[in-house]
Amino acid sequence: MEITDWAHSKEKFKLETVQKGVYKLSEIPESLEKYYNFNDYISHHNQKKTLTEKIYQGVKHLMFKKKLNLINQYTSQKTLKILDYGCGVGEFVSYLKDNGHQADGFEPNENARKIAIDNGVRLVNESLNQHKYDVICLYHVLEHIEDIDDKLKMLYNHLNYDGILIIAVPNHDAFDAKYYKTCWAAWDVPRHIWHFNKNGLRNLIESYSFKLIKRKPLWFDALYISMISETYKKSSRLKGLMVGLISNLSGLFTKNYSSNQFVFKKLK
């Protein structure tokens, strides 16, 4: 499959099948950093200038509460040590601290990291040193990581006994993915190196001594991704909103939602 980087460079990239339900970029650019450094890459800034940015920021803050509720559902401690791996500008880390938890962030992008530091967010380096966590979150991060094998082994080692790993990724078997085909915004090549369906992601993570204990849809993702996909087709965001709603309705029957969040427990 050949996908265009509609969001930025307009270059074309090919995907190849790695295992059932899992695709990977066949050729990864030598330097990925330049593909992230553009004004429309929303997760690396906190601006609220355009309508899209305002919607994104509003939904993001609404989701903070839902993310914390999910964490509390599968943990028992009142005060948790939590790592937001790939924290962007660090707003979720700040939210966790404001709600009584010990929270760190890791962010590789220089521009996002600077904003996080300026906002007083505590960042750790890539090795995580001797830190151990009760919960590690990767919200729309795993698909960006080139060497998944090393990272998953490292994250396993930095989780406490019975620790929780939460991963959210797009699902290329969702209705909106099939509707938009190569214009589906969640392909987001080459920033997204990996692409999963729900079973592909589960099988991969469970091969690293984790057990899936919950999978939940991210309802807003279908709306947002469909709206962006329509802009790639030079069409109406309103139409994208309708496609996103249909995708969510379809997911109720097929269980294939545009994006899923998976809760895994660390095994011995």
C-alpha atoms as a PDB file:
ATOM      1  CA  MET A   1       0.000   0.000   0.000  1.00  0.00           C
ATOM      2  CA  GLU A   2       1.312   3.454  -0.898  1.00  0.00           C
ATOM      3  CA  ILE A   3       0.290   6.392   1.329  1.00  0.00           C
ATOM      4  CA  THR A   4       0.920  10.115   0.868  1.00  0.00           C
ATOM      5  CA  ASP A   5       2.027  12.373   3.711  1.00  0.00           C
ATOM      6  CA  TRP A   6      -0.956  14.673   3.159  1.00  0.00           C
ATOM      7  CA  ALA A   7      -0.311  16.623   6.358  1.00  0.00           C
ATOM      8  CA  HIS A   8       3.122  17.976   5.521  1.00  0.00           C
ATOM      9  CA  SER A   9       5.682  16.831   2.952  1.00  0.00           C
ATOM     10  CA  LYS A  10       3.335  15.304   0.310  1.00  0.00           C
ATOM     11  CA  GLU A  11       5.916  12.543  -0.114  1.00  0.00           C
ATOM     12  CA  LYS A  12       4.751   8.977  -0.725  1.00  0.00           C
ATOM     13  CA  PHE A  13       5.591   6.055   1.557  1.00  0.00           C
ATOM     14  CA  LYS A  14       4.941   2.325   1.328  1.00  0.00           C
ATOM     15  CA  LEU A  15       3.621   0.012   4.030  1.00  0.00           C
ATOM     16  CA  GLU A  16       4.403  -3.678   4.336  1.00  0.00           C
ATOM     17  CA  THR A  17       2.773  -6.445   6.367  1.00  0.00           C
ATOM     18  CA  VAL A  18       4.897  -7.533   9.331  1.00  0.00           C
ATOM     19  CA  GLN A  19       2.438  -9.968  10.878  1.00  0.00           C
ATOM     20  CA  LYS A  20      -1.302 -10.476  10.795  1.00  0.00           C
ATOM     21  CA  GLY A  21      -2.967  -7.158  11.568  1.00  0.00           C
ATOM     22  CA  VAL A  22       0.317  -5.215  11.744  1.00  0.00           C
ATOM     23  CA  TYR A  23       1.838  -3.016   9.020  1.00  0.00           C
ATOM     24  CA  LYS A  24       5.113  -1.109   9.083  1.00  0.00           C
ATOM     25  CA  LEU A  25       6.681   1.630   6.993  1.00  0.00           C
ATOM     26  CA  SER A  26       8.863  -0.231   4.510  1.00  0.00           C
ATOM     27  CA  GLU A  27      11.543   2.478   4.377  1.00  0.00           C
ATOM     28  CA  ILE A  28      11.963   4.790   7.359  1.00  0.00           C
ATOM     29  CA  PRO A  29      13.518   8.201   6.555  1.00  0.00           C
ATOM     30  CA  GLU A  30      16.988   8.708   7.988  1.00  0.00           C
ATOM     31  CA  SER A  31      15.795  11.798   9.866  1.00  0.00           C
ATOM     32  CA  LEU A  32      12.177  11.805  11.052  1.00  0.00           C
ATOM     33  CA  GLU A  33      12.457  15.035  13.051  1.00  0.00           C
ATOM     34  CA  LYS A  34      11.770  17.280  10.066  1.00  0.00           C
ATOM     35  CA  TYR A  35       8.455  15.513   9.448  1.00  0.00           C
ATOM     36  CA  TYR A  36       7.227  16.629  12.882  1.00  0.00           C
ATOM     37  CA  ASN A  37       8.281  20.250  12.715  1.00  0.00           C
ATOM     38  CA  PHE A  38       5.326  21.974  11.108  1.00  0.00           C
ATOM     39  CA  ASN A  39       2.705  24.279  12.585  1.00  0.00           C
ATOM     40  CA  ASP A  40      -0.259  21.955  12.023  1.00  0.00           C
ATOM     41  CA  TYR A  41       1.232  19.143  14.134  1.00  0.00           C
ATOM     42  CA  ILE A  42      -1.125  19.853  17.012  1.00  0.00           C
ATOM     43  CA  SER A  43       0.181  17.480  19.677  1.00  0.00           C
ATOM     44  CA  HIS A  44       3.487  19.361  19.824  1.00  0.00           C
ATOM     45  CA  HIS A  45       1.990  22.731  20.747  1.00  0.00           C
ATOM     46  CA  ASN A  46      -0.895  24.057  22.804  1.00  0.00           C
ATOM     47  CA  GLN A  47      -2.220  26.813  20.571  1.00  0.00           C
ATOM     48  CA  LYS A  48      -5.929  27.550  20.207  1.00  0.00           C
ATOM     49  CA  LYS A  49      -5.950  29.766  17.126  1.00  0.00           C
ATOM     50  CA  THR A  50      -7.796  27.771  14.483  1.00  0.00           C
ATOM     51  CA  LEU A  51     -11.130  25.984  14.860  1.00  0.00           C
ATOM     52  CA  THR A  52      -9.372  22.618  14.582  1.00  0.00           C
ATOM     53  CA  GLU A  53      -6.928  23.581  17.340  1.00  0.00           C
ATOM     54  CA  LYS A  54      -9.747  24.776  19.608  1.00  0.00           C
ATOM     55  CA  ILE A  55     -11.699  21.536  19.118  1.00  0.00           C
ATOM     56  CA  TYR A  56      -8.567  19.443  19.652  1.00  0.00           C
ATOM     57  CA  GLN A  57      -7.550  21.246  22.838  1.00  0.00           C
ATOM     58  CA  GLY A  58     -11.082  21.148  24.255  1.00  0.00           C
ATOM     59  CA  VAL A  59     -11.494  17.425  23.649  1.00  0.00           C
ATOM     60  CA  LYS A  60      -7.986  16.738  24.958  1.00  0.00           C
ATOM     61  CA  HIS A  61      -8.774  18.287  28.336  1.00  0.00           C
ATOM     62  CA  LEU A  62     -12.075  16.420  28.522  1.00  0.00           C
ATOM     63  CA  MET A  63     -10.165  13.194  27.884  1.00  0.00           C
ATOM     64  CA  PHE A  64      -7.746  13.842  30.765  1.00  0.00           C
ATOM     65  CA  LYS A  65     -10.516  13.081  33.253  1.00  0.00           C
ATOM     66  CA  LYS A  66     -11.557   9.952  31.348  1.00  0.00           C
ATOM     67  CA  LYS A  67      -7.944   8.728  31.219  1.00  0.00           C
ATOM     68  CA  LEU A  68      -7.544   9.208  34.968  1.00  0.00           C
ATOM     69  CA  ASN A  69     -10.837   7.423  35.623  1.00  0.00           C
ATOM     70  CA  LEU A  70      -9.553   4.482  33.587  1.00  0.00           C
ATOM     71  CA  ILE A  71      -6.315   4.411  35.595  1.00  0.00           C
ATOM     72  CA  ASN A  72      -8.212   4.510  38.895  1.00  0.00           C
ATOM     73  CA  GLN A  73     -10.442   1.654  37.737  1.00  0.00           C
ATOM     74  CA  TYR A  74      -7.497  -0.765  37.522  1.00  0.00           C
ATOM     75  CA  THR A  75      -5.308   0.435  40.397  1.00  0.00           C
ATOM     76  CA  SER A  76      -5.835   0.521  44.149  1.00  0.00           C
ATOM     77  CA  GLN A  77      -3.277   3.022  45.476  1.00  0.00           C
ATOM     78  CA  LYS A  78      -4.388   6.570  46.250  1.00  0.00           C
ATOM     79  CA  THR A  79      -1.053   7.990  45.089  1.00  0.00           C
ATOM     80  CA  LEU A  80       0.429   6.455  41.967  1.00  0.00           C
ATOM     81  CA  LYS A  81       3.721   6.860  40.173  1.00  0.00           C
ATOM     82  CA  ILE A  82       2.717   7.443  36.557  1.00  0.00           C
ATOM     83  CA  LEU A  83       4.772   7.956  33.413  1.00  0.00           C
ATOM     84  CA  ASP A  84       3.241   9.566  30.334  1.00  0.00           C
ATOM     85  CA  TYR A  85       5.587   8.238  27.658  1.00  0.00           C
ATOM     86  CA  GLY A  86       5.465  10.561  24.662  1.00  0.00           C
ATOM     87  CA  CYS A  87       3.861  13.325  26.687  1.00  0.00           C
ATOM     88  CA  GLY A  88       3.960  16.080  24.048  1.00  0.00           C
ATOM     89  CA  VAL A  89       3.845  19.440  25.844  1.00  0.00           C
ATOM     90  CA  GLY A  90       3.124  17.698  29.154  1.00  0.00           C
ATOM     91  CA  GLU A  91      -0.439  18.773  29.899  1.00  0.00           C
ATOM     92  CA  PHE A  92      -1.597  15.318  31.020  1.00  0.00           C
ATOM     93  CA  VAL A  93       1.421  15.072  33.341  1.00  0.00           C
ATOM     94  CA  SER A  94       0.394  18.379  34.936  1.00  0.00           C
ATOM     95  CA  TYR A  95      -3.200  17.151  35.252  1.00  0.00           C
ATOM     96  CA  LEU A  96      -2.057  13.986  37.024  1.00  0.00           C
ATOM     97  CA  LYS A  97       0.079  16.000  39.468  1.00  0.00           C
ATOM     98  CA  ASP A  98      -2.821  18.365  40.145  1.00  0.00           C
ATOM     99  CA  ASN A  99      -4.864  15.279  41.067  1.00  0.00           C
ATOM    100  CA  GLY A 100      -2.388  14.040  43.653  1.00  0.00           C
ATOM    101  CA  HIS A 101      -0.203  11.627  41.712  1.00  0.00           C
ATOM    102  CA  GLN A 102       3.550  11.528  41.167  1.00  0.00           C
ATOM    103  CA  ALA A 103       3.834  12.015  37.430  1.00  0.00           C
ATOM    104  CA  ASP A 104       6.724  12.200  34.975  1.00  0.00           C
ATOM    105  CA  GLY A 105       6.820  12.664  31.244  1.00  0.00           C
ATOM    106  CA  PHE A 106       9.099  11.580  28.459  1.00  0.00           C
ATOM    107  CA  GLU A 107       9.117  13.455  25.152  1.00  0.00           C
ATOM    108  CA  PRO A 108      11.706  13.122  22.352  1.00  0.00           C
ATOM    109  CA  ASN A 109      10.644  16.128  20.262  1.00  0.00           C
ATOM    110  CA  GLU A 110      12.763  19.154  21.095  1.00  0.00           C
ATOM    111  CA  ASN A 111      10.068  21.795  20.523  1.00  0.00           C
ATOM    112  CA  ALA A 112       7.425  19.972  22.593  1.00  0.00           C
ATOM    113  CA  ARG A 113       9.974  19.202  25.293  1.00  0.00           C
ATOM    114  CA  LYS A 114      10.894  22.882  25.635  1.00  0.00           C
ATOM    115  CA  ILE A 115       7.237  23.866  26.106  1.00  0.00           C
ATOM    116  CA  ALA A 116       6.804  21.131  28.727  1.00  0.00           C
ATOM    117  CA  ILE A 117       9.885  22.255  30.669  1.00  0.00           C
ATOM    118  CA  ASP A 118       8.792  25.897  30.503  1.00  0.00           C
ATOM    119  CA  ASN A 119       5.472  24.797  32.025  1.00  0.00           C
ATOM    120  CA  GLY A 120       7.224  23.101  34.934  1.00  0.00           C
ATOM    121  CA  VAL A 121       6.693  19.509  33.797  1.00  0.00           C
ATOM    122  CA  ARG A 122       9.189  16.986  35.143  1.00  0.00           C
ATOM    123  CA  LEU A 123      10.724  15.082  32.232  1.00  0.00           C
ATOM    124  CA  VAL A 124      12.865  11.959  32.354  1.00  0.00           C
ATOM    125  CA  ASN A 125      15.395  10.814  29.781  1.00  0.00           C
ATOM    126  CA  GLU A 126      14.848   7.962  27.356  1.00  0.00           C
ATOM    127  CA  SER A 127      16.525   5.310  29.528  1.00  0.00           C
ATOM    128  CA  LEU A 128      14.221   6.167  32.486  1.00  0.00           C
ATOM    129  CA  ASN A 129      17.274   5.552  34.733  1.00  0.00           C
ATOM    130  CA  GLN A 130      16.192   3.733  37.917  1.00  0.00           C
ATOM    131  CA  HIS A 131      12.589   4.962  37.868  1.00  0.00           C
ATOM    132  CA  LYS A 132       9.807   2.462  38.523  1.00  0.00           C
ATOM    133  CA  TYR A 133       6.144   3.192  37.841  1.00  0.00           C
ATOM    134  CA  ASP A 134       2.735   1.830  38.763  1.00  0.00           C
ATOM    135  CA  VAL A 135       1.281   2.999  35.438  1.00  0.00           C
ATOM    136  CA  ILE A 136       2.872   3.816  32.072  1.00  0.00           C
ATOM    137  CA  CYS A 137       0.714   5.457  29.404  1.00  0.00           C
ATOM    138  CA  LEU A 138       1.394   5.623  25.677  1.00  0.00           C
ATOM    139  CA  TYR A 139      -1.465   7.553  24.122  1.00  0.00           C
ATOM    140  CA  HIS A 140      -0.940   7.579  20.354  1.00  0.00           C
ATOM    141  CA  VAL A 141       2.779   6.998  20.831  1.00  0.00           C
ATOM    142  CA  LEU A 142       3.572   3.349  20.070  1.00  0.00           C
ATOM    143  CA  GLU A 143       2.906   3.829  16.353  1.00  0.00           C
ATOM    144  CA  HIS A 144       5.732   6.411  16.269  1.00  0.00           C
ATOM    145  CA  ILE A 145       8.427   4.184  17.821  1.00  0.00           C
ATOM    146  CA  GLU A 146      10.875   2.626  15.379  1.00  0.00           C
ATOM    147  CA  ASP A 147      12.331  -0.092  17.613  1.00  0.00           C
ATOM    148  CA  ILE A 148       9.246  -1.406  19.384  1.00  0.00           C
ATOM    149  CA  ASP A 149      11.073  -4.502  20.657  1.00  0.00           C
ATOM    150  CA  ASP A 150      13.606  -2.548  22.734  1.00  0.00           C
ATOM    151  CA  LYS A 151      10.993  -0.086  23.992  1.00  0.00           C
ATOM    152  CA  LEU A 152       8.488  -2.692  25.170  1.00  0.00           C
ATOM    153  CA  LYS A 153      11.196  -4.638  26.996  1.00  0.00           C
ATOM    154  CA  MET A 154      12.381  -1.415  28.634  1.00  0.00           C
ATOM    155  CA  LEU A 155       8.863  -0.367  29.661  1.00  0.00           C
ATOM    156  CA  TYR A 156       8.215  -3.824  31.128  1.00  0.00           C
ATOM    157  CA  ASN A 157      11.345  -3.504  33.281  1.00  0.00           C
ATOM    158  CA  HIS A 158      10.297  -0.069  34.555  1.00  0.00           C
ATOM    159  CA  LEU A 159       6.827  -1.142  35.670  1.00  0.00           C
ATOM    160  CA  ASN A 160       6.266  -2.233  39.251  1.00  0.00           C
ATOM    161  CA  TYR A 161       4.894  -5.692  40.029  1.00  0.00           C
ATOM    162  CA  ASP A 162       1.305  -5.882  38.683  1.00  0.00           C
ATOM    163  CA  GLY A 163       1.898  -2.545  36.951  1.00  0.00           C
ATOM    164  CA  ILE A 164      -0.457  -1.261  34.275  1.00  0.00           C
ATOM    165  CA  LEU A 165       0.475  -0.394  30.687  1.00  0.00           C
ATOM    166  CA  ILE A 166      -2.078   1.690  28.779  1.00  0.00           C
ATOM    167  CA  ILE A 167      -1.698   1.981  25.012  1.00  0.00           C
ATOM    168  CA  ALA A 168      -3.913   3.859  22.556  1.00  0.00           C
ATOM    169  CA  VAL A 169      -3.493   3.418  18.798  1.00  0.00           C
ATOM    170  CA  PRO A 170      -5.583   3.881  15.632  1.00  0.00           C
ATOM    171  CA  ASN A 171      -7.288   0.835  14.140  1.00  0.00           C
ATOM    172  CA  HIS A 172      -6.899   0.321  10.383  1.00  0.00           C
ATOM    173  CA  ASP A 173      -9.897  -2.035  10.348  1.00  0.00           C
ATOM    174  CA  ALA A 174     -12.306   0.714  11.454  1.00  0.00           C
ATOM    175  CA  PHE A 175     -15.095   1.999   9.212  1.00  0.00           C
ATOM    176  CA  ASP A 176     -13.447   5.416   8.715  1.00  0.00           C
ATOM    177  CA  ALA A 177     -10.139   3.777   7.707  1.00  0.00           C
ATOM    178  CA  LYS A 178     -11.876   1.696   5.059  1.00  0.00           C
ATOM    179  CA  TYR A 179     -13.971   4.666   3.921  1.00  0.00           C
ATOM    180  CA  TYR A 180     -11.048   7.063   3.422  1.00  0.00           C
ATOM    181  CA  LYS A 181      -8.584   4.393   2.256  1.00  0.00           C
ATOM    182  CA  THR A 182      -5.260   6.092   1.416  1.00  0.00           C
ATOM    183  CA  CYS A 183      -6.612   9.484   2.561  1.00  0.00           C
ATOM    184  CA  TRP A 184      -7.263   8.242   6.116  1.00  0.00           C
ATOM    185  CA  ALA A 185      -5.554  10.794   8.354  1.00  0.00           C
ATOM    186  CA  ALA A 186      -4.482   8.192  10.931  1.00  0.00           C
ATOM    187  CA  TRP A 187      -2.012   6.627   8.486  1.00  0.00           C
ATOM    188  CA  ASP A 188      -0.025   9.835   9.112  1.00  0.00           C
ATOM    189  CA  VAL A 189       3.111   8.569   7.388  1.00  0.00           C
ATOM    190  CA  PRO A 190       6.026   8.742   8.012  1.00  0.00           C
ATOM    191  CA  ARG A 191       5.351   9.880  11.581  1.00  0.00           C
ATOM    192  CA  HIS A 192       3.344   6.700  12.136  1.00  0.00           C
ATOM    193  CA  ILE A 193       5.788   3.893  11.484  1.00  0.00           C
ATOM    194  CA  TRP A 194       3.512   1.102  12.763  1.00  0.00           C
ATOM    195  CA  HIS A 195      -0.169   0.414  12.036  1.00  0.00           C
ATOM    196  CA  PHE A 196      -2.376  -2.031  13.938  1.00  0.00           C
ATOM    197  CA  ASN A 197      -5.799  -3.568  14.012  1.00  0.00           C
ATOM    198  CA  LYS A 198      -7.118  -4.509  17.458  1.00  0.00           C
ATOM    199  CA  ASN A 199      -5.952  -8.132  17.356  1.00  0.00           C
ATOM    200  CA  GLY A 200      -2.570  -7.252  15.903  1.00  0.00           C
ATOM    201  CA  LEU A 201      -1.874  -4.848  18.764  1.00  0.00           C
ATOM    202  CA  ARG A 202      -3.071  -7.294  21.418  1.00  0.00           C
ATOM    203  CA  ASN A 203      -0.981 -10.169  20.054  1.00  0.00           C
ATOM    204  CA  LEU A 204       2.118  -8.004  19.859  1.00  0.00           C
ATOM    205  CA  ILE A 205       1.917  -6.631  23.413  1.00  0.00           C
ATOM    206  CA  GLU A 206       0.967  -9.949  25.005  1.00  0.00           C
ATOM    207  CA  SER A 207       4.111 -11.494  23.489  1.00  0.00           C
ATOM    208  CA  TYR A 208       6.077  -9.254  25.920  1.00  0.00           C
ATOM    209  CA  SER A 209       4.583 -10.785  29.116  1.00  0.00           C
ATOM    210  CA  PHE A 210       1.555  -8.531  29.409  1.00  0.00           C
ATOM    211  CA  LYS A 211      -2.079  -9.596  29.635  1.00  0.00           C
ATOM    212  CA  LEU A 212      -4.948  -7.585  28.178  1.00  0.00           C
ATOM    213  CA  ILE A 213      -7.535  -6.770  30.830  1.00  0.00           C
ATOM    214  CA  LYS A 214      -9.613  -4.112  29.036  1.00  0.00           C
ATOM    215  CA  ARG A 215     -10.120  -2.542  25.627  1.00  0.00           C
ATOM    216  CA  LYS A 216     -12.178   0.632  25.231  1.00  0.00           C
ATOM    217  CA  PRO A 217     -12.939   2.884  22.245  1.00  0.00           C
ATOM    218  CA  LEU A 218     -11.800   6.493  21.959  1.00  0.00           C
ATOM    219  CA  TRP A 219     -15.027   7.949  20.590  1.00  0.00           C
ATOM    220  CA  PHE A 220     -13.735  11.396  19.692  1.00  0.00           C
ATOM    221  CA  ASP A 221     -10.916  10.015  17.540  1.00  0.00           C
ATOM    222  CA  ALA A 222     -13.288   8.901  14.776  1.00  0.00           C
ATOM    223  CA  LEU A 223     -14.735  12.412  14.559  1.00  0.00           C
ATOM    224  CA  TYR A 224     -11.383  14.191  14.572  1.00  0.00           C
ATOM    225  CA  ILE A 225      -9.644  11.802  12.177  1.00  0.00           C
ATOM    226  CA  SER A 226     -12.578  11.892   9.744  1.00  0.00           C
ATOM    227  CA  MET A 227     -12.662  15.696   9.780  1.00  0.00           C
ATOM    228  CA  ILE A 228      -8.935  15.845   8.990  1.00  0.00           C
ATOM    229  CA  SER A 229      -9.326  13.165   6.307  1.00  0.00           C
ATOM    230  CA  GLU A 230     -11.935  15.308   4.561  1.00  0.00           C
ATOM    231  CA  THR A 231      -9.509  18.249   4.421  1.00  0.00           C
ATOM    232  CA  TYR A 232      -7.060  15.977   2.554  1.00  0.00           C
ATOM    233  CA  LYS A 233      -9.838  15.382   0.012  1.00  0.00           C
ATOM    234  CA  LYS A 234     -10.551  19.164  -0.152  1.00  0.00           C
ATOM    235  CA  SER A 235     -13.994  18.481   1.242  1.00  0.00           C
ATOM    236  CA  SER A 236     -16.145  19.631   4.182  1.00  0.00           C
ATOM    237  CA  ARG A 237     -15.202  18.988   7.808  1.00  0.00           C
ATOM    238  CA  LEU A 238     -18.934  18.688   8.463  1.00  0.00           C
ATOM    239  CA  LYS A 239     -19.002  15.664   6.183  1.00  0.00           C
ATOM    240  CA  GLY A 240     -16.097  14.254   8.167  1.00  0.00           C
ATOM    241  CA  LEU A 241     -18.077  14.710  11.356  1.00  0.00           C
ATOM    242  CA  MET A 242     -20.889  12.638   9.850  1.00  0.00           C
ATOM    243  CA  VAL A 243     -18.487   9.901   8.707  1.00  0.00           C
ATOM    244  CA  GLY A 244     -16.985   9.834  12.200  1.00  0.00           C
ATOM    245  CA  LEU A 245     -20.421   9.371  13.746  1.00  0.00           C
ATOM    246  CA  ILE A 246     -21.170   6.542  11.333  1.00  0.00           C
ATOM    247  CA  SER A 247     -17.817   4.965  12.197  1.00  0.00           C
ATOM    248  CA  ASN A 248     -18.680   5.038  15.903  1.00  0.00           C
ATOM    249  CA  LEU A 249     -22.089   3.504  15.224  1.00  0.00           C
ATOM    250  CA  SER A 250     -20.483   0.835  13.065  1.00  0.00           C
ATOM    251  CA  GLY A 251     -18.069   0.073  15.903  1.00  0.00           C
ATOM    252  CA  LEU A 252     -20.954  -0.757  18.209  1.00  0.00           C
ATOM    253  CA  PHE A 253     -21.685  -3.759  15.977  1.00  0.00           C
ATOM    254  CA  THR A 254     -18.248  -4.677  14.600  1.00  0.00           C
ATOM    255  CA  LYS A 255     -16.169  -3.698  17.691  1.00  0.00           C
ATOM    256  CA  ASN A 256     -13.791  -2.018  15.237  1.00  0.00           C
ATOM    257  CA  TYR A 257     -13.491   1.529  16.489  1.00  0.00           C
ATOM    258  CA  SER A 258     -11.321   4.222  14.904  1.00  0.00           C
ATOM    259  CA  SER A 259      -8.970   4.171  17.898  1.00  0.00           C
ATOM    260  CA  ASN A 260      -8.803   1.915  20.932  1.00  0.00           C
ATOM    261  CA  GLN A 261      -7.191   2.217  24.329  1.00  0.00           C
ATOM    262  CA  PHE A 262      -5.865  -1.061  25.721  1.00  0.00           C
ATOM    263  CA  VAL A 263      -5.166  -1.745  29.393  1.00  0.00           C
ATOM    264  CA  PHE A 264      -2.504  -4.408  29.934  1.00  0.00           C
ATOM    265  CA  LYS A 265      -1.280  -5.843  33.226  1.00  0.00           C
ATOM    266  CA  LYS A 266       2.337  -6.818  33.720  1.00  0.00           C
ATOM    267  CA  LEU A 267       2.853 -10.541  34.247  1.00  0.00           C
ATOM    268  CA  LYS A 268       5.710 -12.098  36.201  1.00  0.00           C
END
